[in-house]
N, C-alpha and C. Protein backbone atom coordinates (compact mmCIF):
# COMPACT_ATOMS: atom_id res chain seq x y z
N UNK A 1 0.87 -1.15 -0.01
CA UNK A 1 -0.04 0.00 0.02
C UNK A 1 0.90 1.20 0.03
N UNK A 2 0.37 2.36 -0.44
CA UNK A 2 1.12 3.55 -0.65
C UNK A 2 0.65 4.56 0.44
N UNK A 3 1.60 5.30 1.05
CA UNK A 3 1.26 6.43 1.93
C UNK A 3 2.13 7.56 1.55
N UNK A 4 1.73 8.74 2.07
CA UNK A 4 2.52 9.93 1.86
C UNK A 4 3.11 10.33 3.23
N UNK A 5 4.42 10.67 3.22
CA UNK A 5 5.07 11.01 4.49
C UNK A 5 5.50 12.55 4.35
N UNK A 6 5.16 13.37 5.29
CA UNK A 6 5.51 14.75 5.32
C UNK A 6 6.40 15.01 6.51
N UNK A 7 7.57 15.48 6.31
CA UNK A 7 8.51 15.88 7.40
C UNK A 7 8.69 17.37 7.39
N UNK A 8 8.51 18.01 8.54
CA UNK A 8 8.62 19.47 8.57
C UNK A 8 9.81 19.95 9.29
N UNK A 9 10.30 21.10 8.95
CA UNK A 9 11.42 21.91 9.57
C UNK A 9 12.67 20.93 9.56
N UNK A 10 13.27 20.69 10.70
CA UNK A 10 14.54 20.05 10.80
C UNK A 10 14.37 18.59 10.44
N UNK A 11 13.16 17.98 10.49
CA UNK A 11 12.99 16.62 10.21
C UNK A 11 13.03 16.34 8.70
N UNK A 12 12.98 17.41 7.90
CA UNK A 12 12.98 17.17 6.38
C UNK A 12 14.34 16.71 5.99
N UNK A 13 15.33 16.86 6.77
CA UNK A 13 16.69 16.26 6.53
C UNK A 13 16.70 14.73 6.43
N UNK A 14 15.68 14.06 6.92
CA UNK A 14 15.57 12.66 6.93
C UNK A 14 14.81 12.12 5.73
N UNK A 15 14.31 12.97 4.85
CA UNK A 15 13.63 12.53 3.65
C UNK A 15 14.65 11.94 2.66
N UNK A 16 14.25 10.95 1.84
CA UNK A 16 15.16 10.47 0.75
C UNK A 16 15.47 11.56 -0.23
N UNK A 17 16.56 11.42 -1.00
CA UNK A 17 17.00 12.35 -1.96
C UNK A 17 15.97 12.62 -3.03
N UNK A 18 15.25 11.64 -3.40
CA UNK A 18 14.24 11.74 -4.53
C UNK A 18 12.96 12.41 -4.12
N UNK A 19 12.82 12.81 -2.86
CA UNK A 19 11.71 13.50 -2.38
C UNK A 19 11.72 14.97 -2.89
N UNK A 20 10.55 15.66 -2.72
CA UNK A 20 10.47 17.05 -3.14
C UNK A 20 10.96 18.02 -2.07
N UNK A 21 11.61 17.56 -1.07
CA UNK A 21 12.11 18.45 -0.02
C UNK A 21 11.18 18.51 1.22
N UNK A 22 9.94 18.02 1.13
CA UNK A 22 9.01 18.10 2.26
C UNK A 22 8.26 16.79 2.31
N UNK A 23 7.87 16.17 1.17
CA UNK A 23 7.12 14.97 1.18
C UNK A 23 7.73 13.82 0.47
N UNK A 24 7.34 12.65 0.78
CA UNK A 24 7.81 11.40 -0.01
C UNK A 24 6.68 10.40 -0.03
N UNK A 25 6.51 9.84 -1.19
CA UNK A 25 5.58 8.65 -1.26
C UNK A 25 6.34 7.41 -0.87
N UNK A 26 5.71 6.54 -0.17
CA UNK A 26 6.35 5.38 0.43
C UNK A 26 5.41 4.15 0.30
N UNK A 27 5.93 3.08 -0.20
CA UNK A 27 5.26 1.84 -0.26
C UNK A 27 5.44 1.09 1.01
N UNK A 28 4.45 0.69 1.76
CA UNK A 28 4.60 -0.03 2.96
C UNK A 28 3.73 -1.28 2.92
N UNK A 29 4.06 -2.26 3.74
CA UNK A 29 3.30 -3.50 3.77
C UNK A 29 2.06 -3.27 4.70
N UNK A 30 0.99 -4.08 4.39
CA UNK A 30 -0.20 -4.01 5.20
C UNK A 30 0.15 -4.34 6.63
N UNK A 31 -0.37 -3.48 7.59
CA UNK A 31 -0.02 -3.69 8.91
C UNK A 31 1.04 -2.80 9.49
N UNK A 32 1.70 -2.03 8.59
CA UNK A 32 2.76 -1.11 9.01
C UNK A 32 2.23 -0.01 9.91
N UNK A 33 3.06 0.33 10.90
CA UNK A 33 2.70 1.35 11.88
C UNK A 33 3.50 2.59 11.72
N UNK A 34 3.16 3.61 12.41
CA UNK A 34 3.78 4.92 12.42
C UNK A 34 5.25 4.63 12.82
N UNK A 35 5.55 3.80 13.79
CA UNK A 35 6.91 3.49 14.27
C UNK A 35 7.72 2.82 13.14
N UNK A 36 7.04 1.94 12.40
CA UNK A 36 7.80 1.29 11.27
C UNK A 36 8.29 2.35 10.24
N UNK A 37 7.41 3.27 9.97
CA UNK A 37 7.84 4.32 8.99
C UNK A 37 8.92 5.19 9.54
N UNK A 38 8.83 5.54 10.81
CA UNK A 38 9.88 6.38 11.41
C UNK A 38 11.23 5.72 11.35
N UNK A 39 11.24 4.36 11.63
CA UNK A 39 12.49 3.52 11.49
C UNK A 39 12.99 3.50 10.02
N UNK A 40 12.08 3.47 9.11
CA UNK A 40 12.47 3.35 7.70
C UNK A 40 13.12 4.60 7.28
N UNK A 41 12.82 5.79 7.83
CA UNK A 41 13.44 7.06 7.59
C UNK A 41 14.71 7.31 8.42
N UNK A 42 15.08 6.34 9.24
CA UNK A 42 16.34 6.34 10.05
C UNK A 42 16.34 7.64 10.94
N UNK A 43 15.21 8.00 11.50
CA UNK A 43 15.17 9.14 12.44
C UNK A 43 15.53 8.59 13.76
N UNK A 44 16.63 9.10 14.39
CA UNK A 44 17.17 8.63 15.65
C UNK A 44 16.08 8.67 16.72
N UNK A 45 16.17 7.74 17.63
CA UNK A 45 15.25 7.68 18.76
C UNK A 45 15.21 8.89 19.64
N UNK A 46 16.43 9.54 19.73
CA UNK A 46 16.53 10.74 20.64
C UNK A 46 15.90 12.03 19.98
N UNK A 47 15.51 11.92 18.79
CA UNK A 47 14.98 13.16 18.11
C UNK A 47 13.40 13.16 18.46
N UNK A 48 12.95 14.26 19.02
CA UNK A 48 11.55 14.45 19.44
C UNK A 48 10.74 15.03 18.29
N UNK A 49 9.54 14.56 18.19
CA UNK A 49 8.58 15.03 17.18
C UNK A 49 7.21 14.65 17.65
N UNK A 50 6.26 15.42 16.96
CA UNK A 50 4.80 15.22 17.10
C UNK A 50 4.39 14.40 15.84
N UNK A 51 3.45 13.57 15.94
CA UNK A 51 2.95 12.72 14.92
C UNK A 51 1.49 12.88 14.61
N UNK A 52 1.20 12.93 13.32
CA UNK A 52 -0.26 13.04 12.92
C UNK A 52 -0.46 12.14 11.75
N UNK A 53 -1.56 11.52 11.75
CA UNK A 53 -2.05 10.72 10.55
C UNK A 53 -3.40 11.35 10.09
N UNK A 54 -3.37 11.71 8.85
CA UNK A 54 -4.54 12.40 8.31
C UNK A 54 -5.08 13.55 9.14
N UNK A 55 -4.17 14.33 9.70
CA UNK A 55 -4.54 15.54 10.46
C UNK A 55 -4.93 15.31 11.88
N UNK A 56 -4.77 14.02 12.32
CA UNK A 56 -5.10 13.72 13.75
C UNK A 56 -3.92 13.22 14.45
N UNK A 57 -3.86 13.45 15.75
CA UNK A 57 -2.78 12.93 16.63
C UNK A 57 -2.68 11.43 16.46
N UNK A 58 -1.46 10.89 16.47
CA UNK A 58 -1.26 9.49 16.24
C UNK A 58 -0.13 9.01 17.23
N UNK A 59 -0.29 7.76 17.61
CA UNK A 59 0.77 7.13 18.45
C UNK A 59 1.66 6.32 17.55
N UNK A 60 2.90 5.92 18.08
CA UNK A 60 3.79 5.10 17.28
C UNK A 60 3.13 3.74 16.82
N UNK A 61 2.25 3.26 17.68
CA UNK A 61 1.62 1.93 17.44
C UNK A 61 0.50 1.98 16.43
N UNK A 62 0.17 3.26 15.97
CA UNK A 62 -1.06 3.28 15.04
C UNK A 62 -0.78 2.62 13.72
N UNK A 63 -1.66 1.72 13.33
CA UNK A 63 -1.50 1.14 11.96
C UNK A 63 -1.83 2.22 10.92
N UNK A 64 -1.21 2.00 9.82
CA UNK A 64 -1.46 2.86 8.66
C UNK A 64 -2.23 2.16 7.53
N UNK A 65 -3.05 3.01 6.79
CA UNK A 65 -3.83 2.43 5.73
C UNK A 65 -3.40 2.99 4.43
N UNK A 66 -3.87 2.46 3.31
CA UNK A 66 -3.54 2.85 2.00
C UNK A 66 -4.03 4.34 1.83
N UNK A 67 -3.12 5.18 1.32
CA UNK A 67 -3.57 6.60 1.10
C UNK A 67 -3.40 7.54 2.37
N UNK A 68 -2.94 6.95 3.49
CA UNK A 68 -2.76 7.78 4.64
C UNK A 68 -1.70 8.84 4.43
N UNK A 69 -1.81 9.92 5.15
CA UNK A 69 -0.80 10.99 5.13
C UNK A 69 -0.18 11.02 6.55
N UNK A 70 1.04 10.69 6.70
CA UNK A 70 1.80 10.69 7.98
C UNK A 70 2.62 11.93 8.01
N UNK A 71 2.38 12.85 9.03
CA UNK A 71 3.08 14.07 9.17
C UNK A 71 3.83 14.07 10.49
N UNK A 72 5.17 14.46 10.42
CA UNK A 72 5.96 14.59 11.65
C UNK A 72 6.46 16.03 11.79
N UNK A 73 6.34 16.58 13.02
CA UNK A 73 6.72 17.93 13.23
C UNK A 73 7.65 17.93 14.48
N UNK A 74 8.65 18.81 14.43
CA UNK A 74 9.43 18.98 15.60
C UNK A 74 8.62 19.65 16.63
N UNK A 75 8.95 19.51 17.97
CA UNK A 75 8.20 20.23 18.94
C UNK A 75 8.39 21.80 18.70
N UNK A 76 7.33 22.50 19.04
CA UNK A 76 7.34 23.95 18.83
C UNK A 76 7.39 24.62 20.23
N UNK A 77 8.01 25.68 20.33
CA UNK A 77 8.05 26.45 21.56
C UNK A 77 7.82 27.93 21.19
N UNK A 78 7.37 28.61 22.26
CA UNK A 78 7.23 30.05 22.03
C UNK A 78 5.97 30.64 22.82
N UNK A 79 5.68 31.80 22.59
CA UNK A 79 4.60 32.40 23.37
C UNK A 79 4.99 32.86 24.70
N UNK A 80 4.10 33.27 25.52
CA UNK A 80 4.38 33.76 26.86
C UNK A 80 3.93 32.71 27.87
């Protein structure tokens, strides 16, 4: 099955060279989870990020479906 992976800000450095700089199409096997995709992109365990699938919060154990959009964001800070 095919998913879209979007990595934002500093996480974009982990996208494959053939990506457009922010997104990548990825073929994954049925039953793949968010954590499986993170490992496939070789994002180190010590790197913090927020995870969303189709615009909703997601856990590492969440299974992915065909056509899903997985987005990873570095933690944001600011404000008062």
